[in-house]
Amino acid sequence: MKRKLDYIEALRGATMLLVFLHHLGVLPTYILVFHMPMFFVISGYLHSLKEQDEDFTIFFKKKFNRLIVPYLGFEFINLLTAFSVQKLFLIMNLEHVYQINFYYAFRNIILCLESPEYIGITNLFWFFPCMFISELLFWFIMRIVSKGIFNGTKIIYLAISVFLVLVSYILHQIIRVRLPFTIDISLMATAFMALGYYSRPIIEYFHHQKLGFQLGISLIGFVGVILAAHYNSEFLMFINEYGNYAISYFGAIFGIIGFSNLIFGITDKGNFQVFEYLSKNSLIFYPIHLNAISFATKVFSYLNLETSSILYTFLPVLKGAVCLILIIPCIYIINHYVPILTGKYKLI
């Protein structure tokens, strides 16, 4: 018997697979349109009134343990590794990696701002603090709404979503300022979180439809993604770059609708344990897969495999296989021997 929210867990796992494929270079232009907003929509969907009624201190501690502790832990591992394997980086002609300044390293990790002074092994794991700030911001939004005249009126969350996109636009395009610890990115993220909370009945409606209907909606959604990718310059959430904000917002919505209906349709006809595995281990898979892909890319480049005309077509598959060989044992080790990195360890 399936649990009530198995389809949402499958959707989250499938979205994590989408992230993996994007970073491997599979359809990156199109996946980029909606894959990160998808996580925040799912988070908003799962956000319950119980959390809104929860004491803020308890809520803060729970989210800190869940998101910030793993963020700092994985960044510390990256920093330690970047310093300990300097000779290997030198052999691979990666001088920009091994010449690391402690000051810039710690500053960038604490502020969670990308800069050329510190790259580490890969880019900063911005998703952790962004989800943390977004969760806190949405908690306050729900608390304010529940105490005001709009209590019980869910359409207010749609208005809040649009308002936050507008604030993000003003901050980035007019004032032109970046805020530390992904606060600026979190405005757009919270917009999608509010959209997910508002859209819960719509998502449930899609889930209960027949396969033909779901595939038809998927087709419409993916056409919207293709058009958004064609007419918009970029959707780089990790550096708060969205090109045309209206196209980015609606392109993400089309992608979310299309992809969710596709996953609802195929998972309803079978048991996709890979999605369940990825969902269960998503907070571990996210940083580990970035490091694995970064490592595999450097090795392939060093061996001149990326320039081989014979292997070029199959490069994402080959690189993906190598990464999974690295990722799966790491997930097992972390789950069994380093639980503090799983987000389930109560540090505070």
Protein backbone atom coordinates (compact mmCIF):
# COMPACT_ATOMS: atom_id res chain seq x y z
CA MET A 1 0.00 0.00 0.00
CA LYS A 2 1.40 3.37 -1.02
CA ARG A 3 1.81 6.10 1.55
CA LYS A 4 -0.26 9.26 1.05
CA LEU A 5 2.60 11.42 -0.19
CA ASP A 6 4.64 8.80 -2.06
CA TYR A 7 3.97 10.64 -5.31
CA ILE A 8 5.56 13.82 -3.90
CA GLU A 9 8.57 11.86 -2.66
CA ALA A 10 8.89 10.33 -6.14
CA LEU A 11 8.67 13.81 -7.65
CA ARG A 12 11.43 15.10 -5.37
CA GLY A 13 13.65 12.12 -6.21
CA ALA A 14 13.00 12.57 -9.92
CA THR A 15 13.88 16.26 -9.62
CA MET A 16 17.18 15.33 -7.98
CA LEU A 17 17.85 12.99 -10.91
CA LEU A 18 17.09 15.94 -13.17
CA VAL A 19 19.72 18.02 -11.34
CA PHE A 20 22.25 15.21 -11.81
CA LEU A 21 21.51 15.00 -15.55
CA HIS A 22 21.75 18.77 -15.92
CA HIS A 23 25.19 18.85 -14.30
CA LEU A 24 26.27 16.01 -16.59
CA GLY A 25 25.36 18.20 -19.56
CA VAL A 26 22.13 16.46 -20.59
CA LEU A 27 19.63 19.01 -21.98
CA PRO A 28 21.08 21.70 -19.69
CA THR A 29 19.34 24.64 -21.38
CA TYR A 30 15.87 23.19 -20.83
CA ILE A 31 16.36 21.58 -17.42
CA LEU A 32 17.79 24.86 -16.16
CA VAL A 33 14.43 26.56 -16.72
CA PHE A 34 12.62 24.77 -13.89
CA HIS A 35 14.68 22.19 -11.97
CA MET A 36 15.64 24.32 -8.92
CA PRO A 37 12.25 26.09 -8.57
CA MET A 38 10.75 22.58 -8.48
CA PHE A 39 12.36 21.89 -5.09
CA PHE A 40 10.90 25.03 -3.56
CA VAL A 41 7.44 24.31 -4.95
CA ILE A 42 7.63 20.85 -3.37
CA SER A 43 8.74 22.39 -0.07
CA GLY A 44 5.81 24.80 -0.16
CA TYR A 45 3.46 21.95 -0.98
CA LEU A 46 4.69 19.99 2.04
CA HIS A 47 4.62 23.01 4.37
CA SER A 48 1.90 22.37 6.92
CA LEU A 49 -0.11 24.56 9.26
CA LYS A 50 1.47 22.61 12.12
CA GLU A 51 4.85 24.15 11.29
CA GLN A 52 3.31 27.61 11.15
CA ASP A 53 1.86 27.08 14.64
CA GLU A 54 5.21 25.76 15.86
CA ASP A 55 7.27 27.96 18.15
CA PHE A 56 9.83 29.85 16.06
CA THR A 57 12.75 28.74 18.22
CA ILE A 58 11.84 25.08 17.74
CA PHE A 59 11.28 25.61 14.01
CA PHE A 60 14.59 27.46 13.66
CA LYS A 61 16.55 24.72 15.44
CA LYS A 62 14.90 22.01 13.35
CA LYS A 63 15.75 23.72 10.07
CA PHE A 64 19.25 24.67 11.26
CA ASN A 65 20.03 21.04 12.06
CA ARG A 66 18.43 19.91 8.82
CA LEU A 67 20.12 22.38 6.46
CA ILE A 68 22.88 24.54 7.95
CA VAL A 69 24.73 21.78 9.80
CA PRO A 70 25.13 19.69 6.60
CA TYR A 71 26.05 22.84 4.66
CA LEU A 72 28.88 23.73 7.03
CA GLY A 73 29.92 20.08 7.28
CA PHE A 74 30.19 19.50 3.54
CA GLU A 75 31.89 22.87 3.00
CA PHE A 76 34.43 21.97 5.69
CA ILE A 77 35.12 18.68 3.90
CA ASN A 78 35.57 20.57 0.63
CA LEU A 79 37.90 23.06 2.24
CA LEU A 80 39.94 20.34 3.93
CA THR A 81 40.15 18.34 0.71
CA ALA A 82 41.15 21.39 -1.33
CA PHE A 83 44.10 21.94 0.97
CA SER A 84 45.12 18.30 1.39
CA VAL A 85 45.29 17.35 -2.30
CA GLN A 86 47.20 20.36 -3.59
CA LYS A 87 49.79 18.19 -5.31
CA LEU A 88 47.10 16.36 -7.25
CA PHE A 89 45.58 19.66 -8.38
CA LEU A 90 49.01 20.85 -9.45
CA ILE A 91 49.53 17.75 -11.62
CA MET A 92 46.16 18.45 -13.27
CA ASN A 93 47.14 22.08 -13.96
CA LEU A 94 44.50 23.43 -11.57
CA GLU A 95 46.61 26.09 -9.90
CA HIS A 96 43.54 28.28 -9.31
CA VAL A 97 42.19 25.56 -6.99
CA TYR A 98 45.23 24.84 -4.83
CA GLN A 99 46.18 28.50 -4.30
CA ILE A 100 43.60 29.01 -1.57
CA ASN A 101 43.56 31.79 0.99
CA PHE A 102 42.04 30.79 4.34
CA TYR A 103 40.48 34.23 4.82
CA TYR A 104 38.61 34.19 1.51
CA ALA A 105 37.63 30.57 2.02
CA PHE A 106 35.99 31.09 5.40
CA ARG A 107 34.49 34.42 4.36
CA ASN A 108 32.84 32.95 1.28
CA ILE A 109 31.52 29.93 3.14
CA ILE A 110 30.01 31.98 5.96
CA LEU A 111 28.58 34.63 3.62
CA CYS A 112 27.75 32.01 0.96
CA LEU A 113 28.76 34.34 -1.86
CA GLU A 114 30.53 33.06 -4.97
CA SER A 115 33.79 34.80 -5.78
CA PRO A 116 36.97 33.91 -7.69
CA GLU A 117 39.08 34.13 -4.51
CA TYR A 118 37.72 30.79 -3.27
CA ILE A 119 36.34 28.02 -5.44
CA GLY A 120 37.22 24.99 -3.32
CA ILE A 121 36.42 21.79 -5.20
CA THR A 122 33.18 23.07 -6.68
CA ASN A 123 30.84 26.02 -6.27
CA LEU A 124 29.41 26.72 -2.85
CA PHE A 125 26.48 24.53 -1.81
CA TRP A 126 24.12 27.50 -1.96
CA PHE A 127 20.95 25.38 -1.91
CA PHE A 128 21.29 24.58 1.82
CA PRO A 129 21.28 28.17 3.15
CA CYS A 130 18.80 29.24 0.47
CA MET A 131 16.28 26.61 1.57
CA PHE A 132 16.96 27.54 5.21
CA ILE A 133 16.30 31.26 4.69
CA SER A 134 13.27 30.52 2.50
CA GLU A 135 11.77 28.21 5.13
CA LEU A 136 12.17 30.89 7.80
CA LEU A 137 10.75 33.61 5.56
CA PHE A 138 7.78 31.46 4.61
CA TRP A 139 7.16 30.66 8.28
CA PHE A 140 6.80 34.39 8.98
CA ILE A 141 4.59 34.85 5.91
CA MET A 142 2.25 32.08 7.03
CA ARG A 143 2.18 33.45 10.59
CA ILE A 144 1.30 36.96 9.35
CA VAL A 145 -1.37 35.67 6.96
CA SER A 146 -2.95 33.44 9.62
CA LYS A 147 -3.25 36.38 12.02
CA GLY A 148 -4.66 38.81 9.44
CA ILE A 149 -7.84 39.33 7.48
CA PHE A 150 -6.70 36.90 4.77
CA ASN A 151 -6.66 33.87 7.06
CA GLY A 152 -8.19 30.95 5.16
CA THR A 153 -7.82 32.69 1.78
CA LYS A 154 -5.13 30.73 -0.05
CA ILE A 155 -5.11 32.98 -3.10
CA ILE A 156 -3.15 35.49 -1.02
CA TYR A 157 -0.16 33.15 -1.40
CA LEU A 158 -0.33 33.53 -5.17
CA ALA A 159 -0.25 37.31 -4.72
CA ILE A 160 2.68 36.95 -2.30
CA SER A 161 4.52 34.82 -4.85
CA VAL A 162 4.20 37.50 -7.54
CA PHE A 163 5.11 40.23 -5.02
CA LEU A 164 8.33 38.44 -4.03
CA VAL A 165 9.34 38.07 -7.68
CA LEU A 166 8.81 41.83 -8.06
CA VAL A 167 10.94 42.54 -4.96
CA SER A 168 13.67 40.25 -6.32
CA TYR A 169 13.57 42.13 -9.63
CA ILE A 170 13.87 45.55 -7.95
CA LEU A 171 16.69 44.39 -5.72
CA HIS A 172 18.74 42.81 -8.50
CA GLN A 173 17.90 44.85 -11.60
CA ILE A 174 17.33 48.33 -10.17
CA ILE A 175 19.24 48.55 -6.88
CA ARG A 176 21.80 46.02 -8.19
CA VAL A 177 23.01 44.56 -4.91
CA ARG A 178 23.85 41.04 -3.75
CA LEU A 179 22.93 40.04 -0.20
CA PRO A 180 24.90 37.55 1.93
CA PHE A 181 23.82 34.03 2.82
CA THR A 182 21.57 33.78 -0.26
CA ILE A 183 19.01 36.21 1.17
CA ASP A 184 18.47 37.71 -2.30
CA ILE A 185 18.12 34.29 -3.96
CA SER A 186 15.72 33.27 -1.19
CA LEU A 187 13.22 35.92 -2.28
CA MET A 188 12.69 34.12 -5.58
CA ALA A 189 12.86 30.74 -3.83
CA THR A 190 10.17 31.77 -1.35
CA ALA A 191 8.04 32.97 -4.26
CA PHE A 192 8.04 29.41 -5.60
CA MET A 193 7.45 28.07 -2.10
CA ALA A 194 4.35 30.23 -1.77
CA LEU A 195 3.28 29.05 -5.22
CA GLY A 196 3.67 25.43 -4.12
CA TYR A 197 1.57 25.99 -1.02
CA TYR A 198 -1.14 27.74 -3.04
CA SER A 199 -1.07 25.04 -5.74
CA ARG A 200 -1.55 22.02 -3.49
CA PRO A 201 -5.15 21.32 -4.67
CA ILE A 202 -4.03 21.73 -8.29
CA ILE A 203 -1.11 19.34 -7.84
CA GLU A 204 -3.40 16.78 -6.18
CA TYR A 205 -5.86 17.18 -9.05
CA PHE A 206 -3.14 16.43 -11.60
CA HIS A 207 -2.00 13.42 -9.59
CA HIS A 208 -5.43 11.79 -9.69
CA GLN A 209 -5.92 12.11 -13.45
CA LYS A 210 -5.50 9.37 -16.03
CA LEU A 211 -2.20 8.82 -17.85
CA GLY A 212 -3.39 10.27 -21.16
CA PHE A 213 -4.41 13.53 -19.51
CA GLN A 214 -1.13 13.74 -17.58
CA LEU A 215 0.96 13.17 -20.71
CA GLY A 216 -1.05 15.80 -22.57
CA ILE A 217 -0.42 18.36 -19.81
CA SER A 218 3.25 17.34 -19.81
CA LEU A 219 3.50 18.07 -23.51
CA ILE A 220 1.99 21.53 -23.03
CA GLY A 221 4.35 22.19 -20.12
CA PHE A 222 7.45 21.16 -22.04
CA VAL A 223 6.45 23.32 -25.01
CA GLY A 224 6.39 26.21 -22.55
CA VAL A 225 9.87 25.24 -21.35
CA ILE A 226 11.23 25.18 -24.92
CA LEU A 227 9.78 28.63 -25.60
CA ALA A 228 11.13 30.02 -22.30
CA ALA A 229 14.60 28.65 -23.03
CA HIS A 230 14.47 30.14 -26.52
CA TYR A 231 13.33 33.64 -25.55
CA ASN A 232 15.13 34.04 -22.22
CA SER A 233 18.87 34.44 -21.83
CA GLU A 234 19.38 32.59 -18.57
CA PHE A 235 17.96 31.16 -15.36
CA LEU A 236 20.93 30.90 -13.01
CA MET A 237 19.37 30.77 -9.59
CA PHE A 238 22.64 30.10 -7.76
CA ILE A 239 23.93 33.56 -8.72
CA ASN A 240 20.49 35.22 -8.78
CA GLU A 241 20.43 35.78 -12.55
CA TYR A 242 17.08 35.32 -14.31
CA GLY A 243 17.27 37.33 -17.52
CA ASN A 244 13.66 38.26 -18.26
CA TYR A 245 11.90 37.76 -14.92
CA ALA A 246 8.42 37.22 -16.39
CA ILE A 247 9.65 34.56 -18.84
CA SER A 248 11.72 32.92 -16.09
CA TYR A 249 8.76 32.78 -13.69
CA PHE A 250 6.21 31.43 -16.15
CA GLY A 251 8.76 29.18 -17.86
CA ALA A 252 9.48 27.58 -14.48
CA ILE A 253 5.75 27.13 -13.87
CA PHE A 254 5.29 25.43 -17.25
CA GLY A 255 8.26 23.16 -16.53
CA ILE A 256 7.00 22.26 -13.07
CA ILE A 257 3.54 21.42 -14.43
CA GLY A 258 4.96 19.39 -17.32
CA PHE A 259 7.53 17.46 -15.31
CA SER A 260 5.26 16.75 -12.32
CA ASN A 261 2.53 15.34 -14.57
CA LEU A 262 5.08 13.18 -16.38
CA ILE A 263 6.38 11.75 -13.09
CA PHE A 264 2.86 11.27 -11.70
CA GLY A 265 1.95 9.35 -14.83
CA ILE A 266 4.93 6.99 -14.99
CA THR A 267 5.22 6.34 -11.24
CA ASP A 268 1.53 5.48 -10.98
CA LYS A 269 2.19 2.55 -13.34
CA GLY A 270 5.17 1.12 -11.49
CA ASN A 271 7.48 1.24 -8.49
CA PHE A 272 10.42 3.52 -9.18
CA GLN A 273 12.70 2.81 -6.22
CA VAL A 274 15.45 4.98 -7.66
CA PHE A 275 13.26 8.05 -7.11
CA GLU A 276 12.54 6.99 -3.53
CA TYR A 277 16.26 6.45 -2.93
CA LEU A 278 17.18 9.87 -4.32
CA SER A 279 14.43 11.58 -2.34
CA LYS A 280 15.44 9.90 0.90
CA ASN A 281 19.10 10.83 0.37
CA SER A 282 18.62 14.13 -1.47
CA LEU A 283 20.52 16.27 1.05
CA ILE A 284 23.51 13.94 0.79
CA PHE A 285 23.28 13.33 -2.95
CA TYR A 286 23.24 17.06 -3.76
CA PRO A 287 26.74 18.00 -2.48
CA ILE A 288 28.32 14.61 -3.18
CA HIS A 289 27.22 14.55 -6.81
CA LEU A 290 28.66 18.03 -7.39
CA ASN A 291 32.03 16.93 -6.04
CA ALA A 292 31.92 13.66 -7.98
CA ILE A 293 31.12 15.41 -11.27
CA SER A 294 33.81 18.01 -10.62
CA PHE A 295 36.36 15.26 -9.94
CA ALA A 296 35.30 13.17 -12.95
CA THR A 297 35.43 16.23 -15.23
CA LYS A 298 38.97 17.04 -14.11
CA VAL A 299 40.10 13.44 -14.61
CA PHE A 300 38.45 13.18 -18.04
CA SER A 301 40.02 16.48 -19.05
CA TYR A 302 43.43 15.35 -17.81
CA LEU A 303 43.13 12.12 -19.85
CA ASN A 304 41.91 14.11 -22.89
CA LEU A 305 38.70 12.05 -22.99
CA GLU A 306 36.49 15.10 -23.43
CA THR A 307 38.16 15.90 -26.75
CA SER A 308 37.83 12.36 -28.10
CA SER A 309 35.38 12.29 -31.02
CA ILE A 310 34.64 8.62 -30.36
CA LEU A 311 33.64 9.09 -26.71
CA TYR A 312 32.07 12.56 -26.99
CA THR A 313 28.53 11.28 -27.70
CA PHE A 314 28.63 8.88 -24.77
CA LEU A 315 30.52 11.21 -22.42
CA PRO A 316 27.54 12.05 -20.12
CA VAL A 317 26.75 8.34 -19.75
CA LEU A 318 30.36 7.43 -19.02
CA LYS A 319 30.84 10.32 -16.65
CA GLY A 320 27.52 9.56 -14.93
CA ALA A 321 28.54 5.92 -14.38
CA VAL A 322 31.87 6.97 -12.87
CA CYS A 323 30.10 9.46 -10.61
CA LEU A 324 27.58 6.90 -9.36
CA ILE A 325 30.42 4.54 -8.49
CA LEU A 326 31.75 7.33 -6.27
CA ILE A 327 28.41 8.64 -4.97
CA ILE A 328 26.62 5.49 -3.79
CA PRO A 329 29.36 4.30 -1.37
CA CYS A 330 29.67 7.86 -0.02
CA ILE A 331 25.93 7.97 0.71
CA TYR A 332 26.17 4.64 2.55
CA ILE A 333 29.16 5.78 4.60
CA ILE A 334 27.53 9.10 5.56
CA ASN A 335 24.23 7.46 6.52
CA HIS A 336 25.92 4.88 8.72
CA TYR A 337 29.00 6.62 10.08
CA VAL A 338 28.58 10.40 9.70
CA PRO A 339 24.92 11.04 10.61
CA ILE A 340 25.58 14.71 11.36
CA LEU A 341 25.78 15.29 7.58
CA THR A 342 22.36 13.76 6.94
CA GLY A 343 20.43 16.64 8.49
CA LYS A 344 18.83 14.32 11.01
CA TYR A 345 21.32 14.93 13.82
CA LYS A 346 20.23 17.35 16.56
CA LEU A 347 23.24 19.58 17.08
CA ILE A 348 21.26 22.40 18.70
